[in-house]
Amino acid sequence: MKIAKEARVGLLAIVSLATLYLGFNYLKGLDLFSTENEYIVVFDDVQGLQNSNAVTFKGVTVGRVMAMQTDQKNDRINVILAVKKSIVLTDQTVASLSDDGLIGGKLIKLNILPGNVIDEGDQLKGGIELGLADAAIQKITPALNDVDSLVVNLTKVVKQFDQTGYALNALMASATKTTNGVNAIVASNAASLAQITSNAAILTKNLNTLTTSLDSQMAPIMKRTGEFTEKLSGLELEKTVASLNTSIAGLQSILSDVNSGKGTLGKLTSDDSLYLNLDNTAASLDALLSDMKDNPKRYVHFSLFGGKTKEEKKKE
């Protein structure tokens, strides 16, 4: 069966219109094949977000912006998101409005946190992620404020230096006069300075000669000192020190014996009987000498004419 030319043209037109309609709606963000779930996010300002912009999860595109509805009464924008059914969203999910690159457009980032699973058509929490440009502006703004304050302070300092400039000019003029005076003094004393320089040169020469003479005189002394040091090192100091150590050890042994009461010296230092005996002997000798002084006739008999008579002996 042949199809009329008019029928073929009409069928082609219908297919073309259907394709155009479906393509136009797809570009507008309409879900044509029901493979996505729709959710609502509320923003105060979408900042240039467009239909069909991407919805991402950890950098992977999982949906798109399907539509945006203006709610003027509540001063907000309702954004409808179409997300793949394989992506399970919870009531703690946050849909953040973010920059798509440094100079790109906008996109929606999903931050899916643990929570209760929500159904299609529910509302997600909205948020705004600070873009690179906004972050840079926020960091630069305080620096610009500091620059402004610095410029103001520099301006004040420069104004204060106006008077300082006059003072510096006066100081330079005074310094110039002082320099001229010094130059005049130097010129008037040039001959004296030349004589002083000549005398300093002669003094330096004499010092050099004296140093050379001292070097020649010190050389024999240093040589003799070296020989004397060698002789000292050749002495048998080790044997002398060893003998001295032996003597000291013997003396220490004797002192140890004395302290422990050994020997005559030890007994003298530790035994009191010898001391008491000596003390008693000294006391007896003292009494004997006293008696000899008082009664010498008892111990010494001397007569030019013979001995004593019997009566004297009896009296005694």
C-alpha atoms as a PDB file:
ATOM      1  CA  MET A   1       0.000   0.000   0.000  1.00  0.00           C
ATOM      2  CA  LYS A   2       1.373   3.288  -1.055  1.00  0.00           C
ATOM      3  CA  ILE A   3       1.290   6.243   1.297  1.00  0.00           C
ATOM      4  CA  ALA A   4       0.281   9.447  -0.269  1.00  0.00           C
ATOM      5  CA  LYS A   5       2.796  12.183  -0.565  1.00  0.00           C
ATOM      6  CA  GLU A   6       0.691  14.474   1.606  1.00  0.00           C
ATOM      7  CA  ALA A   7       0.470  11.809   4.312  1.00  0.00           C
ATOM      8  CA  ARG A   8       4.205  11.319   4.327  1.00  0.00           C
ATOM      9  CA  VAL A   9       4.741  15.049   4.613  1.00  0.00           C
ATOM     10  CA  GLY A  10       2.254  15.252   7.462  1.00  0.00           C
ATOM     11  CA  LEU A  11       3.827  12.284   9.294  1.00  0.00           C
ATOM     12  CA  LEU A  12       7.271  13.833   8.933  1.00  0.00           C
ATOM     13  CA  ALA A  13       5.941  17.099  10.277  1.00  0.00           C
ATOM     14  CA  ILE A  14       4.384  15.364  13.303  1.00  0.00           C
ATOM     15  CA  VAL A  15       7.601  13.479  14.063  1.00  0.00           C
ATOM     16  CA  SER A  16       9.591  16.688  13.685  1.00  0.00           C
ATOM     17  CA  LEU A  17       7.251  18.612  15.988  1.00  0.00           C
ATOM     18  CA  ALA A  18       7.326  15.807  18.574  1.00  0.00           C
ATOM     19  CA  THR A  19      11.132  15.658  18.437  1.00  0.00           C
ATOM     20  CA  LEU A  20      11.342  19.448  18.735  1.00  0.00           C
ATOM     21  CA  TYR A  21       8.966  19.454  21.695  1.00  0.00           C
ATOM     22  CA  LEU A  22      10.738  16.664  23.506  1.00  0.00           C
ATOM     23  CA  GLY A  23      14.174  18.176  22.862  1.00  0.00           C
ATOM     24  CA  PHE A  24      13.030  21.610  23.976  1.00  0.00           C
ATOM     25  CA  ASN A  25      11.549  20.199  27.190  1.00  0.00           C
ATOM     26  CA  TYR A  26      14.692  18.162  27.815  1.00  0.00           C
ATOM     27  CA  LEU A  27      16.811  21.267  27.460  1.00  0.00           C
ATOM     28  CA  LYS A  28      14.468  23.011  29.880  1.00  0.00           C
ATOM     29  CA  GLY A  29      15.178  20.288  32.433  1.00  0.00           C
ATOM     30  CA  LEU A  30      12.051  18.176  32.181  1.00  0.00           C
ATOM     31  CA  ASP A  31      12.395  14.500  33.064  1.00  0.00           C
ATOM     32  CA  LEU A  32      11.276  12.597  29.944  1.00  0.00           C
ATOM     33  CA  PHE A  33      12.052   9.031  30.920  1.00  0.00           C
ATOM     34  CA  SER A  34      11.212   9.029  34.653  1.00  0.00           C
ATOM     35  CA  THR A  35      14.677   7.811  35.713  1.00  0.00           C
ATOM     36  CA  GLU A  36      15.123  10.638  38.249  1.00  0.00           C
ATOM     37  CA  ASN A  37      13.561  11.764  41.518  1.00  0.00           C
ATOM     38  CA  GLU A  38      12.618  15.371  42.069  1.00  0.00           C
ATOM     39  CA  TYR A  39      13.498  17.327  45.226  1.00  0.00           C
ATOM     40  CA  ILE A  40      13.042  20.961  46.282  1.00  0.00           C
ATOM     41  CA  VAL A  41      15.705  23.289  47.650  1.00  0.00           C
ATOM     42  CA  VAL A  42      15.016  26.845  48.859  1.00  0.00           C
ATOM     43  CA  PHE A  43      17.567  29.663  48.375  1.00  0.00           C
ATOM     44  CA  ASP A  44      17.408  33.363  49.127  1.00  0.00           C
ATOM     45  CA  ASP A  45      19.485  34.076  46.018  1.00  0.00           C
ATOM     46  CA  VAL A  46      20.494  31.571  43.314  1.00  0.00           C
ATOM     47  CA  GLN A  47      23.398  33.842  42.149  1.00  0.00           C
ATOM     48  CA  GLY A  48      22.990  33.114  38.441  1.00  0.00           C
ATOM     49  CA  LEU A  49      21.992  29.440  38.662  1.00  0.00           C
ATOM     50  CA  GLN A  50      20.378  28.239  35.419  1.00  0.00           C
ATOM     51  CA  ASN A  51      18.115  25.363  34.406  1.00  0.00           C
ATOM     52  CA  SER A  52      20.005  22.227  33.362  1.00  0.00           C
ATOM     53  CA  ASN A  53      23.007  23.152  35.549  1.00  0.00           C
ATOM     54  CA  ALA A  54      24.637  20.078  37.054  1.00  0.00           C
ATOM     55  CA  VAL A  55      23.903  18.487  40.404  1.00  0.00           C
ATOM     56  CA  THR A  56      27.036  16.685  41.675  1.00  0.00           C
ATOM     57  CA  PHE A  57      27.963  14.306  44.459  1.00  0.00           C
ATOM     58  CA  LYS A  58      31.685  14.160  45.319  1.00  0.00           C
ATOM     59  CA  GLY A  59      32.540  15.621  41.903  1.00  0.00           C
ATOM     60  CA  VAL A  60      30.318  13.225  39.873  1.00  0.00           C
ATOM     61  CA  THR A  61      27.231  14.553  38.051  1.00  0.00           C
ATOM     62  CA  VAL A  62      24.176  12.761  39.471  1.00  0.00           C
ATOM     63  CA  GLY A  63      21.416  15.114  38.321  1.00  0.00           C
ATOM     64  CA  ARG A  64      20.470  18.545  37.045  1.00  0.00           C
ATOM     65  CA  VAL A  65      18.522  21.644  37.899  1.00  0.00           C
ATOM     66  CA  MET A  66      15.070  20.971  36.518  1.00  0.00           C
ATOM     67  CA  ALA A  67      13.291  24.257  37.251  1.00  0.00           C
ATOM     68  CA  MET A  68      13.312  27.401  39.424  1.00  0.00           C
ATOM     69  CA  GLN A  69      10.214  29.011  40.870  1.00  0.00           C
ATOM     70  CA  THR A  70      10.117  32.526  42.292  1.00  0.00           C
ATOM     71  CA  ASP A  71       8.345  32.873  45.658  1.00  0.00           C
ATOM     72  CA  GLN A  72       8.096  36.643  45.941  1.00  0.00           C
ATOM     73  CA  LYS A  73       5.763  36.489  48.922  1.00  0.00           C
ATOM     74  CA  ASN A  74       8.373  34.715  51.052  1.00  0.00           C
ATOM     75  CA  ASP A  75      11.312  36.434  49.296  1.00  0.00           C
ATOM     76  CA  ARG A  76      12.965  33.206  48.143  1.00  0.00           C
ATOM     77  CA  ILE A  77      13.573  30.949  45.148  1.00  0.00           C
ATOM     78  CA  ASN A  78      12.391  27.341  45.013  1.00  0.00           C
ATOM     79  CA  VAL A  79      14.790  25.213  43.005  1.00  0.00           C
ATOM     80  CA  ILE A  80      13.629  21.806  41.731  1.00  0.00           C
ATOM     81  CA  LEU A  81      16.399  19.221  41.396  1.00  0.00           C
ATOM     82  CA  ALA A  82      16.226  16.036  39.347  1.00  0.00           C
ATOM     83  CA  VAL A  83      18.532  13.413  40.904  1.00  0.00           C
ATOM     84  CA  LYS A  84      19.159   9.871  39.732  1.00  0.00           C
ATOM     85  CA  LYS A  85      17.088   7.272  41.537  1.00  0.00           C
ATOM     86  CA  SER A  86      20.241   5.353  42.403  1.00  0.00           C
ATOM     87  CA  ILE A  87      21.272   8.227  44.706  1.00  0.00           C
ATOM     88  CA  VAL A  88      19.573   7.832  48.084  1.00  0.00           C
ATOM     89  CA  LEU A  89      19.087  11.115  49.936  1.00  0.00           C
ATOM     90  CA  THR A  90      18.486  11.587  53.670  1.00  0.00           C
ATOM     91  CA  ASP A  91      16.863  14.295  55.749  1.00  0.00           C
ATOM     92  CA  GLN A  92      20.406  15.483  56.683  1.00  0.00           C
ATOM     93  CA  THR A  93      21.474  16.013  53.067  1.00  0.00           C
ATOM     94  CA  VAL A  94      22.640  19.544  52.268  1.00  0.00           C
ATOM     95  CA  ALA A  95      22.384  20.947  48.729  1.00  0.00           C
ATOM     96  CA  SER A  96      25.019  23.687  48.465  1.00  0.00           C
ATOM     97  CA  LEU A  97      25.088  26.335  45.746  1.00  0.00           C
ATOM     98  CA  SER A  98      28.694  26.394  44.495  1.00  0.00           C
ATOM     99  CA  ASP A  99      30.875  27.787  41.742  1.00  0.00           C
ATOM    100  CA  ASP A 100      31.518  25.570  38.721  1.00  0.00           C
ATOM    101  CA  GLY A 101      35.229  26.445  38.437  1.00  0.00           C
ATOM    102  CA  LEU A 102      36.917  29.816  38.770  1.00  0.00           C
ATOM    103  CA  ILE A 103      35.159  31.503  35.846  1.00  0.00           C
ATOM    104  CA  GLY A 104      32.378  28.984  35.238  1.00  0.00           C
ATOM    105  CA  GLY A 105      28.729  29.104  36.211  1.00  0.00           C
ATOM    106  CA  LYS A 106      26.920  27.616  39.164  1.00  0.00           C
ATOM    107  CA  LEU A 107      26.085  24.064  40.220  1.00  0.00           C
ATOM    108  CA  ILE A 108      24.542  22.218  43.138  1.00  0.00           C
ATOM    109  CA  LYS A 109      26.743  20.030  45.354  1.00  0.00           C
ATOM    110  CA  LEU A 110      25.096  17.311  47.420  1.00  0.00           C
ATOM    111  CA  ASN A 111      26.586  16.546  50.833  1.00  0.00           C
ATOM    112  CA  ILE A 112      24.779  13.359  51.894  1.00  0.00           C
ATOM    113  CA  LEU A 113      24.983  12.816  55.645  1.00  0.00           C
ATOM    114  CA  PRO A 114      23.597   9.863  57.646  1.00  0.00           C
ATOM    115  CA  GLY A 115      19.897  10.161  58.436  1.00  0.00           C
ATOM    116  CA  ASN A 116      16.410   9.025  57.520  1.00  0.00           C
ATOM    117  CA  VAL A 117      15.744   8.359  53.840  1.00  0.00           C
ATOM    118  CA  ILE A 118      13.387  10.935  52.283  1.00  0.00           C
ATOM    119  CA  ASP A 119      10.853  10.470  49.523  1.00  0.00           C
ATOM    120  CA  GLU A 120      10.628  12.097  46.142  1.00  0.00           C
ATOM    121  CA  GLY A 121       9.336  15.642  46.307  1.00  0.00           C
ATOM    122  CA  ASP A 122      10.674  16.352  49.832  1.00  0.00           C
ATOM    123  CA  GLN A 123      12.631  19.476  50.626  1.00  0.00           C
ATOM    124  CA  LEU A 124      16.414  19.429  51.082  1.00  0.00           C
ATOM    125  CA  LYS A 125      18.481  21.724  53.263  1.00  0.00           C
ATOM    126  CA  GLY A 126      20.035  24.519  51.255  1.00  0.00           C
ATOM    127  CA  GLY A 127      23.434  26.103  51.686  1.00  0.00           C
ATOM    128  CA  ILE A 128      25.874  28.383  49.915  1.00  0.00           C
ATOM    129  CA  GLU A 129      29.512  27.395  49.466  1.00  0.00           C
ATOM    130  CA  LEU A 130      31.933  30.280  49.353  1.00  0.00           C
ATOM    131  CA  GLY A 131      33.581  30.439  45.935  1.00  0.00           C
ATOM    132  CA  LEU A 132      37.239  31.056  45.198  1.00  0.00           C
ATOM    133  CA  ALA A 133      36.634  34.626  44.121  1.00  0.00           C
ATOM    134  CA  ASP A 134      34.491  35.411  47.179  1.00  0.00           C
ATOM    135  CA  ALA A 135      37.074  33.842  49.494  1.00  0.00           C
ATOM    136  CA  ALA A 136      39.826  35.855  47.846  1.00  0.00           C
ATOM    137  CA  ILE A 137      37.772  39.028  48.205  1.00  0.00           C
ATOM    138  CA  GLN A 138      37.141  38.334  51.889  1.00  0.00           C
ATOM    139  CA  LYS A 139      40.870  37.865  52.494  1.00  0.00           C
ATOM    140  CA  ILE A 140      41.880  40.865  50.382  1.00  0.00           C
ATOM    141  CA  THR A 141      39.347  43.264  51.915  1.00  0.00           C
ATOM    142  CA  PRO A 142      41.061  43.480  55.346  1.00  0.00           C
ATOM    143  CA  ALA A 143      44.403  43.928  53.603  1.00  0.00           C
ATOM    144  CA  LEU A 144      42.958  46.794  51.536  1.00  0.00           C
ATOM    145  CA  ASN A 145      41.631  48.380  54.721  1.00  0.00           C
ATOM    146  CA  ASP A 146      45.088  48.095  56.257  1.00  0.00           C
ATOM    147  CA  VAL A 147      46.588  49.673  53.121  1.00  0.00           C
ATOM    148  CA  ASP A 148      44.150  52.569  53.385  1.00  0.00           C
ATOM    149  CA  SER A 149      45.064  53.150  57.030  1.00  0.00           C
ATOM    150  CA  LEU A 150      48.750  52.898  56.112  1.00  0.00           C
ATOM    151  CA  VAL A 151      48.354  55.499  53.390  1.00  0.00           C
ATOM    152  CA  VAL A 152      46.599  57.818  55.842  1.00  0.00           C
ATOM    153  CA  ASN A 153      49.390  57.382  58.390  1.00  0.00           C
ATOM    154  CA  LEU A 154      52.049  57.956  55.730  1.00  0.00           C
ATOM    155  CA  THR A 155      50.291  61.138  54.693  1.00  0.00           C
ATOM    156  CA  LYS A 156      50.377  62.370  58.273  1.00  0.00           C
ATOM    157  CA  VAL A 157      54.062  61.471  58.569  1.00  0.00           C
ATOM    158  CA  VAL A 158      54.895  63.282  55.320  1.00  0.00           C
ATOM    159  CA  LYS A 159      53.119  66.393  56.598  1.00  0.00           C
ATOM    160  CA  GLN A 160      55.163  66.242  59.776  1.00  0.00           C
ATOM    161  CA  PHE A 161      58.333  66.030  57.697  1.00  0.00           C
ATOM    162  CA  ASP A 162      57.613  69.431  56.130  1.00  0.00           C
ATOM    163  CA  GLN A 163      59.055  71.188  59.182  1.00  0.00           C
ATOM    164  CA  THR A 164      61.785  68.581  59.450  1.00  0.00           C
ATOM    165  CA  GLY A 165      62.928  69.507  55.932  1.00  0.00           C
ATOM    166  CA  TYR A 166      63.634  73.077  57.010  1.00  0.00           C
ATOM    167  CA  ALA A 167      65.563  71.810  60.028  1.00  0.00           C
ATOM    168  CA  LEU A 168      67.581  69.460  57.819  1.00  0.00           C
ATOM    169  CA  ASN A 169      68.447  72.325  55.451  1.00  0.00           C
ATOM    170  CA  ALA A 170      69.685  74.394  58.379  1.00  0.00           C
ATOM    171  CA  LEU A 171      71.671  71.425  59.683  1.00  0.00           C
ATOM    172  CA  MET A 172      73.274  70.865  56.268  1.00  0.00           C
ATOM    173  CA  ALA A 173      74.229  74.526  56.065  1.00  0.00           C
ATOM    174  CA  SER A 174      75.833  74.334  59.522  1.00  0.00           C
ATOM    175  CA  ALA A 175      77.633  71.134  58.553  1.00  0.00           C
ATOM    176  CA  THR A 176      78.962  72.853  55.421  1.00  0.00           C
ATOM    177  CA  LYS A 177      80.347  75.694  57.498  1.00  0.00           C
ATOM    178  CA  THR A 178      81.953  73.233  59.908  1.00  0.00           C
ATOM    179  CA  THR A 179      83.536  71.316  57.022  1.00  0.00           C
ATOM    180  CA  ASN A 180      84.953  74.513  55.571  1.00  0.00           C
ATOM    181  CA  GLY A 181      86.416  75.403  58.967  1.00  0.00           C
ATOM    182  CA  VAL A 182      88.009  71.992  59.318  1.00  0.00           C
ATOM    183  CA  ASN A 183      89.481  72.264  55.827  1.00  0.00           C
ATOM    184  CA  ALA A 184      90.968  75.633  56.724  1.00  0.00           C
ATOM    185  CA  ILE A 185      92.508  74.215  59.916  1.00  0.00           C
ATOM    186  CA  VAL A 186      93.985  71.296  58.011  1.00  0.00           C
ATOM    187  CA  ALA A 187      95.420  73.595  55.376  1.00  0.00           C
ATOM    188  CA  SER A 188      97.020  75.861  57.997  1.00  0.00           C
ATOM    189  CA  ASN A 189      98.573  72.890  59.800  1.00  0.00           C
ATOM    190  CA  ALA A 190      99.672  70.974  56.728  1.00  0.00           C
ATOM    191  CA  ALA A 191     103.364  71.502  57.529  1.00  0.00           C
ATOM    192  CA  SER A 192     102.924  70.310  61.120  1.00  0.00           C
ATOM    193  CA  LEU A 193     100.985  67.271  59.946  1.00  0.00           C
ATOM    194  CA  ALA A 194     103.762  66.437  57.487  1.00  0.00           C
ATOM    195  CA  GLN A 195     106.355  66.661  60.294  1.00  0.00           C
ATOM    196  CA  ILE A 196     104.204  64.442  62.527  1.00  0.00           C
ATOM    197  CA  THR A 197     103.884  61.895  59.742  1.00  0.00           C
ATOM    198  CA  SER A 198     107.653  61.921  59.217  1.00  0.00           C
ATOM    199  CA  ASN A 199     108.300  61.458  62.937  1.00  0.00           C
ATOM    200  CA  ALA A 200     105.799  58.572  63.016  1.00  0.00           C
ATOM    201  CA  ALA A 201     107.654  56.913  60.129  1.00  0.00           C
ATOM    202  CA  ILE A 202     111.018  57.279  61.971  1.00  0.00           C
ATOM    203  CA  LEU A 203     109.461  55.880  65.154  1.00  0.00           C
ATOM    204  CA  THR A 204     108.090  52.916  63.240  1.00  0.00           C
ATOM    205  CA  LYS A 205     111.515  52.250  61.719  1.00  0.00           C
ATOM    206  CA  ASN A 206     113.174  52.385  65.159  1.00  0.00           C
ATOM    207  CA  LEU A 207     110.571  50.005  66.559  1.00  0.00           C
ATOM    208  CA  ASN A 208     111.249  47.575  63.729  1.00  0.00           C
ATOM    209  CA  THR A 209     115.007  47.743  64.441  1.00  0.00           C
ATOM    210  CA  LEU A 210     114.398  47.189  68.159  1.00  0.00           C
ATOM    211  CA  THR A 211     112.137  44.221  67.413  1.00  0.00           C
ATOM    212  CA  THR A 212     114.803  42.652  65.206  1.00  0.00           C
ATOM    213  CA  SER A 213     117.431  43.134  67.944  1.00  0.00           C
ATOM    214  CA  LEU A 214     115.166  41.618  70.576  1.00  0.00           C
ATOM    215  CA  ASP A 215     114.500  38.630  68.332  1.00  0.00           C
ATOM    216  CA  SER A 216     118.273  37.998  67.970  1.00  0.00           C
ATOM    217  CA  GLN A 217     118.747  38.294  71.752  1.00  0.00           C
ATOM    218  CA  MET A 218     115.754  36.135  72.665  1.00  0.00           C
ATOM    219  CA  ALA A 219     116.784  33.241  70.393  1.00  0.00           C
ATOM    220  CA  PRO A 220     119.733  32.046  72.661  1.00  0.00           C
ATOM    221  CA  ILE A 221     117.555  32.466  75.756  1.00  0.00           C
ATOM    222  CA  MET A 222     114.784  30.368  74.251  1.00  0.00           C
ATOM    223  CA  LYS A 223     117.355  27.765  73.204  1.00  0.00           C
ATOM    224  CA  ARG A 224     118.762  27.555  76.750  1.00  0.00           C
ATOM    225  CA  THR A 225     115.258  27.353  78.152  1.00  0.00           C
ATOM    226  CA  GLY A 226     114.571  24.392  75.873  1.00  0.00           C
ATOM    227  CA  GLU A 227     117.775  22.664  77.006  1.00  0.00           C
ATOM    228  CA  PHE A 228     116.870  23.270  80.672  1.00  0.00           C
ATOM    229  CA  THR A 229     113.433  21.802  80.062  1.00  0.00           C
ATOM    230  CA  GLU A 230     114.971  18.736  78.450  1.00  0.00           C
ATOM    231  CA  LYS A 231     117.276  18.286  81.473  1.00  0.00           C
ATOM    232  CA  LEU A 232     114.327  18.555  83.835  1.00  0.00           C
ATOM    233  CA  SER A 233     112.457  15.956  81.844  1.00  0.00           C
ATOM    234  CA  GLY A 234     115.550  13.699  82.046  1.00  0.00           C
ATOM    235  CA  LEU A 235     115.619  13.692  85.849  1.00  0.00           C
ATOM    236  CA  GLU A 236     114.487  10.530  87.572  1.00  0.00           C
ATOM    237  CA  LEU A 237     111.413  12.197  88.995  1.00  0.00           C
ATOM    238  CA  GLU A 238     109.454   8.966  88.989  1.00  0.00           C
ATOM    239  CA  LYS A 239     111.956   7.215  91.306  1.00  0.00           C
ATOM    240  CA  THR A 240     112.030  10.212  93.633  1.00  0.00           C
ATOM    241  CA  VAL A 241     108.245  10.312  93.807  1.00  0.00           C
ATOM    242  CA  ALA A 242     108.119   6.531  94.401  1.00  0.00           C
ATOM    243  CA  SER A 243     110.653   6.846  97.281  1.00  0.00           C
ATOM    244  CA  LEU A 244     108.685   9.714  98.753  1.00  0.00           C
ATOM    245  CA  ASN A 245     105.482   7.656  98.556  1.00  0.00           C
ATOM    246  CA  THR A 246     107.264   4.778 100.359  1.00  0.00           C
ATOM    247  CA  SER A 247     108.411   7.125 103.146  1.00  0.00           C
ATOM    248  CA  ILE A 248     104.937   8.565 103.504  1.00  0.00           C
ATOM    249  CA  ALA A 249     103.487   5.035 103.682  1.00  0.00           C
ATOM    250  CA  GLY A 250     105.978   4.110 106.480  1.00  0.00           C
ATOM    251  CA  LEU A 251     105.118   7.284 108.385  1.00  0.00           C
ATOM    252  CA  GLN A 252     101.432   6.513 108.054  1.00  0.00           C
ATOM    253  CA  SER A 253     102.083   2.969 109.417  1.00  0.00           C
ATOM    254  CA  ILE A 254     103.931   4.392 112.434  1.00  0.00           C
ATOM    255  CA  LEU A 255     101.155   6.891 113.120  1.00  0.00           C
ATOM    256  CA  SER A 256      98.612   4.079 112.824  1.00  0.00           C
ATOM    257  CA  ASP A 257     100.534   2.019 115.397  1.00  0.00           C
ATOM    258  CA  VAL A 258     100.764   5.023 117.701  1.00  0.00           C
ATOM    259  CA  ASN A 259      97.017   5.647 117.413  1.00  0.00           C
ATOM    260  CA  SER A 260      96.265   1.971 118.125  1.00  0.00           C
ATOM    261  CA  GLY A 261      98.541   1.923 121.235  1.00  0.00           C
ATOM    262  CA  LYS A 262     101.352  -0.216 119.828  1.00  0.00           C
ATOM    263  CA  GLY A 263     105.001   0.403 120.715  1.00  0.00           C
ATOM    264  CA  THR A 264     106.485   2.820 123.206  1.00  0.00           C
ATOM    265  CA  LEU A 265     104.981   5.931 121.618  1.00  0.00           C
ATOM    266  CA  GLY A 266     101.610   4.199 121.411  1.00  0.00           C
ATOM    267  CA  LYS A 267     101.690   3.343 125.080  1.00  0.00           C
ATOM    268  CA  LEU A 268     102.705   6.881 125.939  1.00  0.00           C
ATOM    269  CA  THR A 269      99.695   8.227 124.049  1.00  0.00           C
ATOM    270  CA  SER A 270      97.162   5.608 125.167  1.00  0.00           C
ATOM    271  CA  ASP A 271      98.284   4.335 128.651  1.00  0.00           C
ATOM    272  CA  ASP A 272      97.842   6.778 131.600  1.00  0.00           C
ATOM    273  CA  SER A 273      99.836   4.666 134.106  1.00  0.00           C
ATOM    274  CA  LEU A 274     103.198   5.774 132.741  1.00  0.00           C
ATOM    275  CA  TYR A 275     102.100   9.362 132.975  1.00  0.00           C
ATOM    276  CA  LEU A 276     100.876   8.840 136.556  1.00  0.00           C
ATOM    277  CA  ASN A 277     104.137   7.118 137.528  1.00  0.00           C
ATOM    278  CA  LEU A 278     106.173   9.921 136.068  1.00  0.00           C
ATOM    279  CA  ASP A 279     103.945  12.449 137.829  1.00  0.00           C
ATOM    280  CA  ASN A 280     104.334  10.636 141.174  1.00  0.00           C
ATOM    281  CA  THR A 281     108.099  10.385 140.683  1.00  0.00           C
ATOM    282  CA  ALA A 282     108.312  14.087 139.926  1.00  0.00           C
ATOM    283  CA  ALA A 283     106.237  14.846 143.051  1.00  0.00           C
ATOM    284  CA  SER A 284     108.548  12.649 145.203  1.00  0.00           C
ATOM    285  CA  LEU A 285     111.629  14.318 143.778  1.00  0.00           C
ATOM    286  CA  ASP A 286     110.069  17.700 144.474  1.00  0.00           C
ATOM    287  CA  ALA A 287     109.341  16.709 148.110  1.00  0.00           C
ATOM    288  CA  LEU A 288     112.890  15.318 148.506  1.00  0.00           C
ATOM    289  CA  LEU A 289     114.462  18.492 147.177  1.00  0.00           C
ATOM    290  CA  SER A 290     112.257  20.585 149.473  1.00  0.00           C
ATOM    291  CA  ASP A 291     113.287  18.468 152.483  1.00  0.00           C
ATOM    292  CA  MET A 292     116.947  18.686 151.462  1.00  0.00           C
ATOM    293  CA  LYS A 293     116.624  22.482 151.401  1.00  0.00           C
ATOM    294  CA  ASP A 294     114.931  22.555 154.793  1.00  0.00           C
ATOM    295  CA  ASN A 295     117.108  19.906 156.525  1.00  0.00           C
ATOM    296  CA  PRO A 296     120.395  19.654 154.691  1.00  0.00           C
ATOM    297  CA  LYS A 297     122.100  18.112 157.748  1.00  0.00           C
ATOM    298  CA  ARG A 298     120.060  14.969 157.299  1.00  0.00           C
ATOM    299  CA  TYR A 299     121.712  14.248 154.004  1.00  0.00           C
ATOM    300  CA  VAL A 300     125.135  15.950 154.200  1.00  0.00           C
ATOM    301  CA  HIS A 301     127.560  15.597 157.186  1.00  0.00           C
ATOM    302  CA  PHE A 302     130.526  17.902 157.022  1.00  0.00           C
ATOM    303  CA  SER A 303     132.741  19.030 159.947  1.00  0.00           C
ATOM    304  CA  LEU A 304     136.177  20.431 160.162  1.00  0.00           C
ATOM    305  CA  PHE A 305     136.767  18.900 163.565  1.00  0.00           C
ATOM    306  CA  GLY A 306     135.257  15.513 163.299  1.00  0.00           C
ATOM    307  CA  GLY A 307     131.886  13.976 163.538  1.00  0.00           C
ATOM    308  CA  LYS A 308     128.993  14.834 165.784  1.00  0.00           C
ATOM    309  CA  THR A 309     128.850  13.969 169.392  1.00  0.00           C
ATOM    310  CA  LYS A 310     126.656  11.207 170.671  1.00  0.00           C
ATOM    311  CA  GLU A 311     124.324  13.664 172.319  1.00  0.00           C
ATOM    312  CA  GLU A 312     123.798  15.526 168.994  1.00  0.00           C
ATOM    313  CA  LYS A 313     123.102  12.254 167.254  1.00  0.00           C
ATOM    314  CA  LYS A 314     120.574  11.380 169.917  1.00  0.00           C
ATOM    315  CA  LYS A 315     118.883  14.748 169.518  1.00  0.00           C
ATOM    316  CA  GLU A 316     118.655  14.220 165.818  1.00  0.00           C
END
